Each structure stands twice: as structure tokens, then as C-alpha cells.
N, C-alpha and C. Protein backbone atom coordinates (compact mmCIF):
# COMPACT_ATOMS: atom_id res chain seq x y z
N UNK A 1 9.91 -15.25 45.74
CA UNK A 1 9.12 -14.62 44.68
C UNK A 1 10.06 -13.90 43.71
N UNK A 2 9.80 -14.04 42.42
CA UNK A 2 10.59 -13.36 41.42
C UNK A 2 10.24 -11.88 41.43
N UNK A 3 11.24 -11.02 41.41
CA UNK A 3 11.00 -9.59 41.42
C UNK A 3 10.96 -9.05 40.00
N UNK A 4 9.97 -8.21 39.67
CA UNK A 4 9.92 -7.61 38.34
C UNK A 4 11.12 -6.72 38.09
N UNK A 5 11.53 -6.62 36.83
CA UNK A 5 12.61 -5.72 36.48
C UNK A 5 12.12 -4.28 36.63
N UNK A 6 12.97 -3.41 37.14
CA UNK A 6 12.55 -2.04 37.41
C UNK A 6 12.86 -1.10 36.24
N UNK A 7 13.45 -1.62 35.17
CA UNK A 7 13.78 -0.80 34.01
C UNK A 7 12.79 -1.08 32.89
N UNK A 8 12.73 -0.17 31.92
CA UNK A 8 11.88 -0.38 30.77
C UNK A 8 12.45 -1.51 29.92
N UNK A 9 11.59 -2.42 29.50
CA UNK A 9 12.05 -3.58 28.73
C UNK A 9 11.21 -3.73 27.47
N UNK A 10 11.75 -4.45 26.50
CA UNK A 10 11.02 -4.76 25.29
C UNK A 10 10.12 -5.97 25.53
N UNK A 11 9.24 -6.22 24.60
CA UNK A 11 8.37 -7.39 24.73
C UNK A 11 9.19 -8.67 24.76
N UNK A 12 10.18 -8.78 23.88
CA UNK A 12 11.00 -10.01 23.85
C UNK A 12 11.81 -10.17 25.13
N UNK A 13 12.28 -9.08 25.70
CA UNK A 13 12.99 -9.17 26.97
C UNK A 13 12.04 -9.62 28.08
N UNK A 14 10.82 -9.14 28.04
CA UNK A 14 9.81 -9.56 29.02
C UNK A 14 9.55 -11.06 28.91
N UNK A 15 9.39 -11.56 27.70
CA UNK A 15 9.13 -12.98 27.49
C UNK A 15 10.31 -13.82 27.97
N UNK A 16 11.52 -13.36 27.71
CA UNK A 16 12.71 -14.09 28.15
C UNK A 16 12.81 -14.10 29.66
N UNK A 17 12.43 -13.01 30.31
CA UNK A 17 12.51 -12.89 31.77
C UNK A 17 11.40 -13.65 32.47
N UNK A 18 10.24 -13.78 31.82
CA UNK A 18 9.04 -14.30 32.45
C UNK A 18 9.30 -15.66 33.12
N UNK A 19 9.07 -15.77 34.43
CA UNK A 19 9.30 -17.05 35.12
C UNK A 19 8.28 -18.09 34.71
N UNK A 20 8.72 -19.34 34.59
CA UNK A 20 7.81 -20.42 34.19
C UNK A 20 6.85 -20.78 35.32
N UNK A 21 7.27 -20.60 36.55
CA UNK A 21 6.42 -20.91 37.69
C UNK A 21 6.55 -19.80 38.72
N UNK A 22 5.42 -19.26 39.15
CA UNK A 22 5.46 -18.15 40.10
C UNK A 22 4.13 -18.05 40.83
N UNK A 23 4.15 -17.44 42.03
CA UNK A 23 2.92 -17.19 42.79
C UNK A 23 2.08 -16.11 42.13
N UNK A 24 2.71 -15.32 41.26
CA UNK A 24 2.03 -14.17 40.66
C UNK A 24 1.99 -14.30 39.14
N UNK A 25 1.12 -13.50 38.54
CA UNK A 25 1.14 -13.30 37.09
C UNK A 25 1.87 -12.00 36.82
N UNK A 26 2.39 -11.89 35.63
CA UNK A 26 3.07 -10.66 35.23
C UNK A 26 2.56 -10.22 33.87
N UNK A 27 2.38 -8.92 33.72
CA UNK A 27 2.03 -8.35 32.43
C UNK A 27 3.01 -7.23 32.12
N UNK A 28 3.18 -6.96 30.84
CA UNK A 28 4.01 -5.85 30.40
C UNK A 28 3.08 -4.73 29.96
N UNK A 29 3.28 -3.55 30.55
CA UNK A 29 2.43 -2.41 30.23
C UNK A 29 3.30 -1.21 29.90
N UNK A 30 3.31 -0.88 28.62
CA UNK A 30 4.10 0.24 28.12
C UNK A 30 5.56 0.13 28.55
N UNK A 31 6.10 -1.07 28.43
CA UNK A 31 7.51 -1.30 28.72
C UNK A 31 7.83 -1.57 30.17
N UNK A 32 6.84 -1.56 31.04
CA UNK A 32 7.05 -1.78 32.47
C UNK A 32 6.40 -3.10 32.87
N UNK A 33 7.16 -3.94 33.57
CA UNK A 33 6.61 -5.21 34.05
C UNK A 33 5.80 -4.95 35.32
N UNK A 34 4.55 -5.43 35.30
CA UNK A 34 3.64 -5.23 36.42
C UNK A 34 3.34 -6.58 37.05
N UNK A 35 3.50 -6.66 38.35
CA UNK A 35 3.20 -7.89 39.09
C UNK A 35 1.74 -7.90 39.47
N UNK A 36 1.07 -9.01 39.19
CA UNK A 36 -0.34 -9.15 39.49
C UNK A 36 -0.57 -10.46 40.23
N UNK A 37 -1.30 -10.43 41.34
CA UNK A 37 -1.61 -11.70 42.00
C UNK A 37 -2.47 -12.57 41.10
N UNK A 38 -2.26 -13.87 41.16
CA UNK A 38 -3.11 -14.75 40.39
C UNK A 38 -4.55 -14.63 40.89
N UNK A 39 -5.52 -14.74 39.98
CA UNK A 39 -6.92 -14.60 40.40
C UNK A 39 -7.26 -15.59 41.51
N UNK A 40 -7.87 -15.07 42.55
CA UNK A 40 -8.26 -15.90 43.69
C UNK A 40 -9.69 -15.57 44.09
N UNK A 41 -10.26 -16.42 44.91
CA UNK A 41 -11.56 -16.15 45.50
C UNK A 41 -12.62 -15.81 44.48
N UNK A 42 -13.34 -14.73 44.73
CA UNK A 42 -14.48 -14.36 43.90
C UNK A 42 -14.06 -14.04 42.47
N UNK A 43 -12.93 -13.37 42.28
CA UNK A 43 -12.43 -13.06 40.94
C UNK A 43 -12.24 -14.34 40.14
N UNK A 44 -11.59 -15.32 40.75
CA UNK A 44 -11.34 -16.59 40.09
C UNK A 44 -12.64 -17.33 39.81
N UNK A 45 -13.59 -17.26 40.74
CA UNK A 45 -14.87 -17.95 40.57
C UNK A 45 -15.65 -17.36 39.40
N UNK A 46 -15.68 -16.03 39.30
CA UNK A 46 -16.39 -15.38 38.20
C UNK A 46 -15.75 -15.75 36.86
N UNK A 47 -14.43 -15.66 36.78
CA UNK A 47 -13.74 -16.01 35.54
C UNK A 47 -14.01 -17.46 35.16
N UNK A 48 -13.96 -18.37 36.13
CA UNK A 48 -14.22 -19.77 35.87
C UNK A 48 -15.65 -20.03 35.43
N UNK A 49 -16.59 -19.32 36.05
CA UNK A 49 -18.00 -19.47 35.69
C UNK A 49 -18.24 -19.06 34.24
N UNK A 50 -17.73 -17.91 33.86
CA UNK A 50 -17.91 -17.41 32.49
C UNK A 50 -17.17 -18.31 31.50
N UNK A 51 -15.99 -18.75 31.86
CA UNK A 51 -15.23 -19.69 31.03
C UNK A 51 -16.09 -20.92 30.73
N UNK A 52 -16.70 -21.48 31.77
CA UNK A 52 -17.51 -22.67 31.60
C UNK A 52 -18.71 -22.44 30.70
N UNK A 53 -19.40 -21.32 30.88
CA UNK A 53 -20.57 -21.01 30.06
C UNK A 53 -20.18 -20.87 28.59
N UNK A 54 -19.07 -20.21 28.33
CA UNK A 54 -18.62 -20.02 26.95
C UNK A 54 -18.16 -21.34 26.34
N UNK A 55 -17.51 -22.17 27.13
CA UNK A 55 -17.07 -23.48 26.64
C UNK A 55 -18.27 -24.33 26.22
N UNK A 56 -19.31 -24.32 27.05
CA UNK A 56 -20.51 -25.09 26.72
C UNK A 56 -21.13 -24.60 25.42
N UNK A 57 -21.14 -23.29 25.20
CA UNK A 57 -21.71 -22.74 23.97
C UNK A 57 -20.87 -23.11 22.75
N UNK A 58 -19.56 -23.09 22.89
CA UNK A 58 -18.68 -23.50 21.79
C UNK A 58 -18.94 -24.96 21.44
N UNK A 59 -19.04 -25.82 22.46
CA UNK A 59 -19.30 -27.24 22.23
C UNK A 59 -20.67 -27.44 21.57
N UNK A 60 -21.65 -26.70 22.00
CA UNK A 60 -23.00 -26.83 21.43
C UNK A 60 -23.01 -26.48 19.95
N UNK A 61 -22.27 -25.43 19.60
CA UNK A 61 -22.24 -24.96 18.22
C UNK A 61 -21.32 -25.79 17.33
N UNK A 62 -20.36 -26.47 17.95
CA UNK A 62 -19.41 -27.26 17.17
C UNK A 62 -18.44 -26.41 16.37
N UNK A 63 -18.17 -25.20 16.85
CA UNK A 63 -17.26 -24.30 16.15
C UNK A 63 -15.81 -24.64 16.50
N UNK A 64 -14.86 -24.31 15.60
CA UNK A 64 -13.45 -24.65 15.84
C UNK A 64 -12.75 -23.64 16.75
N UNK A 65 -13.36 -23.36 17.89
CA UNK A 65 -12.81 -22.43 18.86
C UNK A 65 -12.38 -23.21 20.10
N UNK A 66 -11.47 -22.64 20.86
CA UNK A 66 -11.10 -23.25 22.13
C UNK A 66 -10.63 -22.17 23.10
N UNK A 67 -10.59 -22.54 24.37
CA UNK A 67 -10.17 -21.63 25.44
C UNK A 67 -8.87 -22.16 26.02
N UNK A 68 -7.74 -21.50 25.76
CA UNK A 68 -6.48 -21.99 26.30
C UNK A 68 -6.37 -21.73 27.80
N UNK A 69 -5.52 -22.50 28.43
CA UNK A 69 -5.31 -22.32 29.87
C UNK A 69 -4.64 -20.98 30.15
N UNK A 70 -3.68 -20.64 29.31
CA UNK A 70 -3.02 -19.34 29.46
C UNK A 70 -2.34 -18.97 28.15
N UNK A 71 -2.14 -17.68 27.94
CA UNK A 71 -1.45 -17.18 26.77
C UNK A 71 -1.13 -15.71 27.01
N UNK A 72 -0.38 -15.12 26.09
CA UNK A 72 -0.04 -13.71 26.21
C UNK A 72 -0.42 -13.02 24.90
N UNK A 73 -1.15 -11.91 25.02
CA UNK A 73 -1.56 -11.12 23.88
C UNK A 73 -0.64 -9.91 23.78
N UNK A 74 0.06 -9.80 22.66
CA UNK A 74 1.00 -8.69 22.45
C UNK A 74 0.27 -7.50 21.83
N UNK A 75 0.54 -6.32 22.35
CA UNK A 75 -0.06 -5.11 21.79
C UNK A 75 0.52 -4.83 20.40
N UNK A 76 -0.17 -4.03 19.58
CA UNK A 76 0.32 -3.77 18.22
C UNK A 76 1.72 -3.16 18.16
N UNK A 77 2.05 -2.31 19.13
CA UNK A 77 3.37 -1.68 19.13
C UNK A 77 4.40 -2.47 19.93
N UNK A 78 4.01 -3.64 20.41
CA UNK A 78 4.89 -4.56 21.16
C UNK A 78 5.42 -3.95 22.46
N UNK A 79 4.74 -2.93 22.99
CA UNK A 79 5.18 -2.36 24.26
C UNK A 79 4.47 -3.00 25.45
N UNK A 80 3.44 -3.80 25.17
CA UNK A 80 2.65 -4.40 26.23
C UNK A 80 2.33 -5.86 25.91
N UNK A 81 2.11 -6.64 26.97
CA UNK A 81 1.70 -8.02 26.83
C UNK A 81 0.74 -8.37 27.94
N UNK A 82 -0.43 -8.91 27.59
CA UNK A 82 -1.49 -9.16 28.56
C UNK A 82 -1.84 -10.63 28.63
N UNK A 83 -2.24 -11.08 29.83
CA UNK A 83 -2.73 -12.43 30.04
C UNK A 83 -4.20 -12.32 30.48
N UNK A 84 -5.13 -12.44 29.54
CA UNK A 84 -6.55 -12.23 29.86
C UNK A 84 -7.08 -13.27 30.83
N UNK A 85 -8.18 -12.90 31.51
CA UNK A 85 -8.84 -13.85 32.41
C UNK A 85 -9.47 -14.99 31.61
N UNK A 86 -10.09 -14.67 30.48
CA UNK A 86 -10.66 -15.68 29.58
C UNK A 86 -10.40 -15.22 28.16
N UNK A 87 -10.03 -16.15 27.29
CA UNK A 87 -9.81 -15.81 25.89
C UNK A 87 -10.26 -16.98 25.03
N UNK A 88 -10.96 -16.66 23.94
CA UNK A 88 -11.42 -17.68 23.00
C UNK A 88 -10.66 -17.50 21.69
N UNK A 89 -10.05 -18.59 21.23
CA UNK A 89 -9.23 -18.55 20.03
C UNK A 89 -9.88 -19.31 18.89
N UNK A 90 -9.60 -18.84 17.68
CA UNK A 90 -10.05 -19.48 16.46
C UNK A 90 -8.91 -20.39 15.98
N UNK A 91 -9.06 -21.70 16.22
CA UNK A 91 -7.94 -22.62 15.99
C UNK A 91 -7.38 -22.58 14.57
N UNK A 92 -8.19 -22.54 13.50
CA UNK A 92 -7.61 -22.49 12.16
C UNK A 92 -6.72 -21.28 11.91
N UNK A 93 -6.98 -20.18 12.61
CA UNK A 93 -6.19 -18.96 12.41
C UNK A 93 -4.80 -19.04 13.04
N UNK A 94 -4.60 -20.00 13.94
CA UNK A 94 -3.33 -20.06 14.65
C UNK A 94 -2.15 -20.45 13.76
N UNK A 95 -2.43 -20.94 12.56
CA UNK A 95 -1.32 -21.24 11.63
C UNK A 95 -0.57 -19.97 11.25
N UNK A 96 -1.21 -18.83 11.41
CA UNK A 96 -0.59 -17.54 11.08
C UNK A 96 0.14 -16.91 12.26
N UNK A 97 0.04 -17.54 13.42
CA UNK A 97 0.69 -17.02 14.63
C UNK A 97 2.04 -17.71 14.80
N UNK A 98 3.10 -17.02 14.41
CA UNK A 98 4.43 -17.63 14.38
C UNK A 98 4.97 -17.97 15.77
N UNK A 99 4.42 -17.36 16.82
CA UNK A 99 4.95 -17.57 18.17
C UNK A 99 3.99 -18.34 19.07
N UNK A 100 2.95 -18.89 18.48
CA UNK A 100 1.99 -19.62 19.28
C UNK A 100 2.56 -20.91 19.82
N UNK A 101 3.11 -21.75 18.95
CA UNK A 101 3.60 -23.05 19.37
C UNK A 101 4.75 -22.96 20.36
N UNK A 102 5.62 -21.99 20.17
CA UNK A 102 6.81 -21.89 21.03
C UNK A 102 6.55 -21.16 22.34
N UNK A 103 5.56 -20.24 22.35
CA UNK A 103 5.39 -19.46 23.57
C UNK A 103 3.97 -19.06 23.91
N UNK A 104 2.96 -19.61 23.21
CA UNK A 104 1.55 -19.24 23.44
C UNK A 104 1.37 -17.73 23.36
N UNK A 105 2.05 -17.11 22.37
CA UNK A 105 2.00 -15.66 22.18
C UNK A 105 1.11 -15.36 20.98
N UNK A 106 0.20 -14.40 21.17
CA UNK A 106 -0.73 -14.00 20.12
C UNK A 106 -0.43 -12.57 19.67
N UNK A 107 -0.35 -12.38 18.38
CA UNK A 107 -0.03 -11.05 17.84
C UNK A 107 -1.06 -10.56 16.83
N UNK A 108 -2.01 -11.42 16.44
CA UNK A 108 -2.98 -11.08 15.41
C UNK A 108 -4.40 -11.09 15.98
N UNK A 109 -5.09 -10.00 15.81
CA UNK A 109 -6.44 -9.91 16.36
C UNK A 109 -7.40 -10.93 15.77
N UNK A 110 -7.20 -11.33 14.52
CA UNK A 110 -8.14 -12.27 13.91
C UNK A 110 -8.05 -13.67 14.51
N UNK A 111 -7.01 -13.95 15.28
CA UNK A 111 -6.90 -15.24 15.96
C UNK A 111 -7.82 -15.31 17.17
N UNK A 112 -8.29 -14.15 17.63
CA UNK A 112 -9.02 -14.05 18.90
C UNK A 112 -10.48 -13.70 18.62
N UNK A 113 -11.38 -14.55 19.09
CA UNK A 113 -12.81 -14.29 18.91
C UNK A 113 -13.39 -13.44 20.02
N UNK A 114 -12.87 -13.62 21.24
CA UNK A 114 -13.43 -12.92 22.39
C UNK A 114 -12.40 -12.90 23.51
N UNK A 115 -12.28 -11.75 24.17
CA UNK A 115 -11.46 -11.62 25.38
C UNK A 115 -12.36 -11.15 26.51
N UNK A 116 -12.13 -11.70 27.69
CA UNK A 116 -12.88 -11.31 28.89
C UNK A 116 -11.89 -10.90 29.97
N UNK A 117 -12.11 -9.73 30.54
CA UNK A 117 -11.34 -9.30 31.71
C UNK A 117 -12.30 -9.08 32.87
N UNK A 118 -11.96 -9.65 34.02
CA UNK A 118 -12.74 -9.46 35.24
C UNK A 118 -12.08 -8.34 36.04
N UNK A 119 -12.84 -7.32 36.36
CA UNK A 119 -12.29 -6.12 36.98
C UNK A 119 -11.81 -6.38 38.40
N UNK A 120 -10.64 -5.82 38.71
CA UNK A 120 -10.14 -5.80 40.08
C UNK A 120 -9.77 -4.35 40.40
N UNK A 121 -8.91 -4.13 41.37
CA UNK A 121 -8.62 -2.76 41.78
C UNK A 121 -7.92 -1.94 40.70
N UNK A 122 -7.29 -2.61 39.73
CA UNK A 122 -6.63 -1.88 38.64
C UNK A 122 -7.59 -1.70 37.45
N UNK A 123 -8.83 -1.31 37.74
CA UNK A 123 -9.88 -1.24 36.73
C UNK A 123 -9.55 -0.28 35.59
N UNK A 124 -8.75 0.73 35.84
CA UNK A 124 -8.41 1.68 34.77
C UNK A 124 -7.72 1.00 33.60
N UNK A 125 -6.91 -0.02 33.89
CA UNK A 125 -6.23 -0.74 32.82
C UNK A 125 -7.23 -1.46 31.92
N UNK A 126 -8.27 -2.04 32.50
CA UNK A 126 -9.26 -2.76 31.70
C UNK A 126 -10.07 -1.82 30.82
N UNK A 127 -10.50 -0.69 31.38
CA UNK A 127 -11.36 0.23 30.66
C UNK A 127 -10.61 1.15 29.70
N UNK A 128 -9.32 1.34 29.90
CA UNK A 128 -8.58 2.28 29.06
C UNK A 128 -7.44 1.59 28.29
N UNK A 129 -6.42 1.19 29.00
CA UNK A 129 -5.22 0.66 28.35
C UNK A 129 -5.52 -0.59 27.51
N UNK A 130 -6.13 -1.59 28.12
CA UNK A 130 -6.39 -2.84 27.39
C UNK A 130 -7.43 -2.63 26.31
N UNK A 131 -8.45 -1.86 26.60
CA UNK A 131 -9.47 -1.61 25.59
C UNK A 131 -8.86 -0.98 24.34
N UNK A 132 -7.97 -0.01 24.54
CA UNK A 132 -7.33 0.65 23.41
C UNK A 132 -6.48 -0.32 22.59
N UNK A 133 -5.72 -1.16 23.28
CA UNK A 133 -4.85 -2.10 22.57
C UNK A 133 -5.65 -3.21 21.89
N UNK A 134 -6.68 -3.70 22.54
CA UNK A 134 -7.51 -4.75 21.93
C UNK A 134 -8.22 -4.21 20.69
N UNK A 135 -8.67 -2.97 20.75
CA UNK A 135 -9.30 -2.34 19.60
C UNK A 135 -8.30 -2.21 18.45
N UNK A 136 -7.09 -1.75 18.77
CA UNK A 136 -6.06 -1.56 17.73
C UNK A 136 -5.65 -2.89 17.10
N UNK A 137 -5.69 -3.97 17.88
CA UNK A 137 -5.36 -5.30 17.34
C UNK A 137 -6.46 -5.83 16.42
N UNK A 138 -7.65 -5.27 16.54
CA UNK A 138 -8.76 -5.75 15.74
C UNK A 138 -9.48 -6.92 16.34
N UNK A 139 -9.44 -7.04 17.67
CA UNK A 139 -10.15 -8.12 18.36
C UNK A 139 -11.64 -7.79 18.32
N UNK A 140 -12.43 -8.74 17.81
CA UNK A 140 -13.83 -8.46 17.48
C UNK A 140 -14.72 -8.18 18.69
N UNK A 141 -14.41 -8.80 19.81
CA UNK A 141 -15.30 -8.64 20.96
C UNK A 141 -14.50 -8.69 22.26
N UNK A 142 -14.83 -7.79 23.17
CA UNK A 142 -14.12 -7.65 24.45
C UNK A 142 -15.14 -7.39 25.55
N UNK A 143 -15.13 -8.25 26.57
CA UNK A 143 -16.01 -8.07 27.72
C UNK A 143 -15.21 -7.55 28.92
N UNK A 144 -15.80 -6.59 29.63
CA UNK A 144 -15.29 -6.17 30.93
C UNK A 144 -16.36 -6.51 31.96
N UNK A 145 -16.03 -7.42 32.86
CA UNK A 145 -16.98 -7.86 33.89
C UNK A 145 -16.66 -7.14 35.20
N UNK A 146 -17.50 -6.18 35.55
CA UNK A 146 -17.31 -5.38 36.77
C UNK A 146 -18.38 -5.81 37.78
N UNK A 147 -18.26 -7.06 38.25
CA UNK A 147 -19.29 -7.65 39.10
C UNK A 147 -19.37 -6.99 40.48
N UNK A 148 -18.27 -6.40 40.92
CA UNK A 148 -18.23 -5.77 42.24
C UNK A 148 -18.37 -4.25 42.18
N UNK A 149 -18.65 -3.73 40.98
CA UNK A 149 -18.86 -2.28 40.81
C UNK A 149 -17.67 -1.46 41.30
N UNK A 150 -16.49 -1.79 40.80
CA UNK A 150 -15.26 -1.11 41.21
C UNK A 150 -14.88 0.04 40.27
N UNK A 151 -15.34 0.01 39.03
CA UNK A 151 -14.91 0.97 38.03
C UNK A 151 -15.44 2.36 38.25
N UNK A 152 -14.97 3.27 37.41
CA UNK A 152 -15.41 4.66 37.49
C UNK A 152 -16.86 4.82 37.11
N UNK A 153 -17.48 5.90 37.61
CA UNK A 153 -18.91 6.12 37.39
C UNK A 153 -19.25 6.29 35.91
N UNK A 154 -18.29 6.81 35.11
CA UNK A 154 -18.57 6.99 33.69
C UNK A 154 -18.72 5.65 32.98
N UNK A 155 -18.24 4.57 33.61
CA UNK A 155 -18.33 3.24 33.01
C UNK A 155 -19.47 2.40 33.57
N UNK A 156 -19.81 2.58 34.84
CA UNK A 156 -20.79 1.68 35.45
C UNK A 156 -21.97 2.41 36.09
N UNK A 157 -22.06 3.72 35.87
CA UNK A 157 -23.22 4.45 36.34
C UNK A 157 -23.03 5.10 37.70
N UNK A 158 -23.95 5.97 38.02
CA UNK A 158 -23.95 6.69 39.29
C UNK A 158 -25.37 6.67 39.86
N UNK A 159 -25.61 5.97 40.97
CA UNK A 159 -24.64 5.26 41.80
C UNK A 159 -24.05 4.04 41.08
N UNK A 160 -22.88 3.65 41.54
CA UNK A 160 -22.20 2.52 40.91
C UNK A 160 -23.02 1.25 41.06
N UNK A 161 -22.96 0.43 40.03
CA UNK A 161 -23.69 -0.83 40.05
C UNK A 161 -22.95 -1.87 39.22
N UNK A 162 -23.13 -3.16 39.54
CA UNK A 162 -22.47 -4.20 38.76
C UNK A 162 -22.83 -4.06 37.28
N UNK A 163 -21.80 -4.12 36.44
CA UNK A 163 -22.00 -3.87 35.01
C UNK A 163 -21.13 -4.81 34.19
N UNK A 164 -21.69 -5.33 33.11
CA UNK A 164 -20.90 -6.09 32.15
C UNK A 164 -20.92 -5.32 30.83
N UNK A 165 -19.75 -4.86 30.41
CA UNK A 165 -19.62 -4.06 29.19
C UNK A 165 -19.15 -4.94 28.05
N UNK A 166 -19.87 -4.91 26.94
CA UNK A 166 -19.51 -5.67 25.75
C UNK A 166 -19.07 -4.68 24.67
N UNK A 167 -17.79 -4.74 24.31
CA UNK A 167 -17.25 -3.91 23.25
C UNK A 167 -17.21 -4.72 21.96
N UNK A 168 -17.87 -4.25 20.92
CA UNK A 168 -17.89 -4.92 19.63
C UNK A 168 -17.21 -4.03 18.60
N UNK A 169 -16.35 -4.62 17.77
CA UNK A 169 -15.60 -3.86 16.78
C UNK A 169 -16.48 -3.59 15.57
N UNK A 170 -16.76 -2.31 15.32
CA UNK A 170 -17.57 -1.88 14.19
C UNK A 170 -16.76 -0.88 13.37
N UNK A 171 -16.45 -1.24 12.12
CA UNK A 171 -15.65 -0.37 11.25
C UNK A 171 -14.36 0.09 11.93
N UNK A 172 -13.71 -0.86 12.61
CA UNK A 172 -12.40 -0.58 13.19
C UNK A 172 -12.42 0.09 14.54
N UNK A 173 -13.60 0.37 15.08
CA UNK A 173 -13.69 1.02 16.38
C UNK A 173 -14.67 0.25 17.27
N UNK A 174 -14.40 0.28 18.58
CA UNK A 174 -15.30 -0.39 19.51
C UNK A 174 -16.55 0.45 19.77
N UNK A 175 -17.69 -0.24 19.75
CA UNK A 175 -18.93 0.32 20.25
C UNK A 175 -19.33 -0.52 21.44
N UNK A 176 -19.78 0.13 22.50
CA UNK A 176 -20.03 -0.57 23.76
C UNK A 176 -21.51 -0.64 24.09
N UNK A 177 -21.93 -1.79 24.59
CA UNK A 177 -23.24 -1.97 25.21
C UNK A 177 -22.99 -2.39 26.65
N UNK A 178 -23.71 -1.75 27.57
CA UNK A 178 -23.54 -2.07 28.99
C UNK A 178 -24.79 -2.76 29.50
N UNK A 179 -24.57 -3.87 30.22
CA UNK A 179 -25.67 -4.67 30.73
C UNK A 179 -25.60 -4.70 32.25
N UNK A 180 -26.78 -4.61 32.85
CA UNK A 180 -26.86 -4.55 34.31
C UNK A 180 -27.87 -5.58 34.81
N UNK A 181 -28.10 -5.60 36.11
CA UNK A 181 -28.97 -6.61 36.71
C UNK A 181 -30.33 -6.67 35.99
N UNK A 182 -30.82 -7.91 35.82
CA UNK A 182 -32.08 -8.10 35.14
C UNK A 182 -31.97 -8.21 33.63
N UNK A 183 -30.76 -8.11 33.10
CA UNK A 183 -30.59 -8.13 31.65
C UNK A 183 -29.79 -9.33 31.19
N UNK A 184 -30.12 -9.82 30.00
CA UNK A 184 -29.33 -10.87 29.36
C UNK A 184 -28.20 -10.23 28.58
N UNK A 185 -27.03 -10.84 28.63
CA UNK A 185 -25.86 -10.33 27.93
C UNK A 185 -25.99 -10.66 26.45
N UNK A 186 -25.86 -9.66 25.60
CA UNK A 186 -25.94 -9.85 24.15
C UNK A 186 -24.54 -9.85 23.57
N UNK A 187 -24.16 -10.98 23.01
CA UNK A 187 -22.82 -11.17 22.46
C UNK A 187 -22.89 -11.28 20.94
N UNK A 188 -22.18 -10.42 20.19
CA UNK A 188 -22.15 -10.56 18.74
C UNK A 188 -21.59 -11.90 18.27
N UNK A 189 -20.60 -12.42 19.00
CA UNK A 189 -19.99 -13.69 18.62
C UNK A 189 -20.90 -14.86 18.93
N UNK A 190 -21.61 -14.80 20.06
CA UNK A 190 -22.49 -15.88 20.50
C UNK A 190 -23.90 -15.34 20.72
N UNK A 191 -24.64 -15.06 19.64
CA UNK A 191 -25.94 -14.40 19.78
C UNK A 191 -26.99 -15.22 20.52
N UNK A 192 -26.82 -16.54 20.59
CA UNK A 192 -27.80 -17.38 21.28
C UNK A 192 -27.39 -17.70 22.72
N UNK A 193 -26.33 -17.10 23.18
CA UNK A 193 -25.87 -17.34 24.54
C UNK A 193 -26.92 -16.90 25.55
N UNK A 194 -27.27 -17.79 26.46
CA UNK A 194 -28.26 -17.45 27.50
C UNK A 194 -27.52 -17.26 28.82
N UNK A 195 -27.03 -16.05 29.02
CA UNK A 195 -26.28 -15.71 30.23
C UNK A 195 -26.72 -14.32 30.67
N UNK A 196 -27.03 -14.19 31.95
CA UNK A 196 -27.50 -12.91 32.47
C UNK A 196 -26.47 -12.29 33.40
N UNK A 197 -26.60 -10.99 33.58
CA UNK A 197 -25.73 -10.29 34.53
C UNK A 197 -25.95 -10.83 35.93
N UNK A 198 -27.19 -11.14 36.27
CA UNK A 198 -27.48 -11.67 37.61
C UNK A 198 -26.72 -12.97 37.88
N UNK A 199 -26.61 -13.83 36.87
CA UNK A 199 -25.87 -15.09 37.05
C UNK A 199 -24.40 -14.82 37.27
N UNK A 200 -23.84 -13.87 36.52
CA UNK A 200 -22.43 -13.55 36.67
C UNK A 200 -22.15 -12.95 38.05
N UNK A 201 -23.01 -12.02 38.47
CA UNK A 201 -22.85 -11.38 39.78
C UNK A 201 -22.98 -12.42 40.88
N UNK A 202 -23.94 -13.33 40.74
CA UNK A 202 -24.14 -14.37 41.75
C UNK A 202 -22.90 -15.25 41.90
N UNK A 203 -22.18 -15.46 40.80
CA UNK A 203 -20.96 -16.26 40.86
C UNK A 203 -19.88 -15.58 41.70
N UNK A 204 -19.98 -14.26 41.85
CA UNK A 204 -19.00 -13.53 42.64
C UNK A 204 -19.42 -13.26 44.06
N UNK A 205 -20.48 -13.91 44.51
CA UNK A 205 -20.95 -13.66 45.88
C UNK A 205 -20.59 -14.81 46.80
């Protein structure tokens, strides 16, 4: 297994170091390389389920969007780099991404229509660090899928319950709607999407 560097590194140093093949995923967070296990089991199933539902909606609409197998989203200050669980890209906008063809690196929020993160034990990163960076990049829509109710009570209620949070960019800032069991998920990007929290939670069981 490749060992992460223990010193603070730049984004470009992280990209140069990043192994092409590994048992783990790696992200850069505020200059520190963080080792993350690749999604497995229920986490992987939920991400795959949502990926499939969004792909079907893109195909139905005939929009020029696609879901890449993998990519890295660079934070505005270049101190962090994230590999989302699901990401939808606007293909015509990629002509403005100078590092897309060479490294599947995204630096412009307008290239990204939607990002989805499935919560695991490092839930604070999804609700705080990534949310802040995605907002600063100008990414129009960000989902946090907390199907196992792992997040803090301020995010998913008390008592804790499975929650899907949809952050929509309004006048440069995220506004959040939280959806729970029995509710259909309302997406600004895909307003006709017929997907419920119950279906997402069931995918993780």
C-alpha cells in the first residue's frame, strides 16, 4: 500500500504523488494527504444507486451532461482536492478546464452541475470542509446523503434519522433543504426527478 506523505504539500505535489493504482482513495485536505478506503458495501451501493438514477434522468432529458468514473475537484485556494462519490459535469464547459484532459482535474464550479457525497465516519468533512469549498467554487448543487444517520444532530435532527441534504447556490451562498423518510427529494437541477429518501435508504440496507 502506498503511504501518504506526512508533510504539508501543494495541490500539484499531491497530483504528482497520487498513485495510479491503489487499494485506497486519497484526498488533499488543507495541504494534508488523507487516505480513504474505496467505497465498499452499503456506501458503494448507495452511491451506485444514486448514480444510476441521475444517469437515467440525464438520458431522458437529453442534456449534455455526463457522470465521469473519477475526477478530482480542486478547492479555490488549491489547498484541497476531492474525489466525490458522484459528480455530474456539463460537457460543453470542459473546454475551459485546462487540466481536464491531462488529469481529470476540475477547477471551475460552472463545469459541475451536481456533486453527491455519501456520508461515512468522516461526516464532518462533508458537512463543513467540502460544503465550504464547493460553495466557494460556485457549484450550483451539492447533496449530502446521510443514509445511516451518522452526522451531527444539528444536521440530521434529534433523535438522529436518515437525511438527504440538498444545498442549492442562491446569490453565492448555499441554502439547504433537508429531506427525510416519506419525502421526495427536490433537486433544482433536476426538478422532475422522482427519487425518494426511502429509496435511497433502502439501497443502503
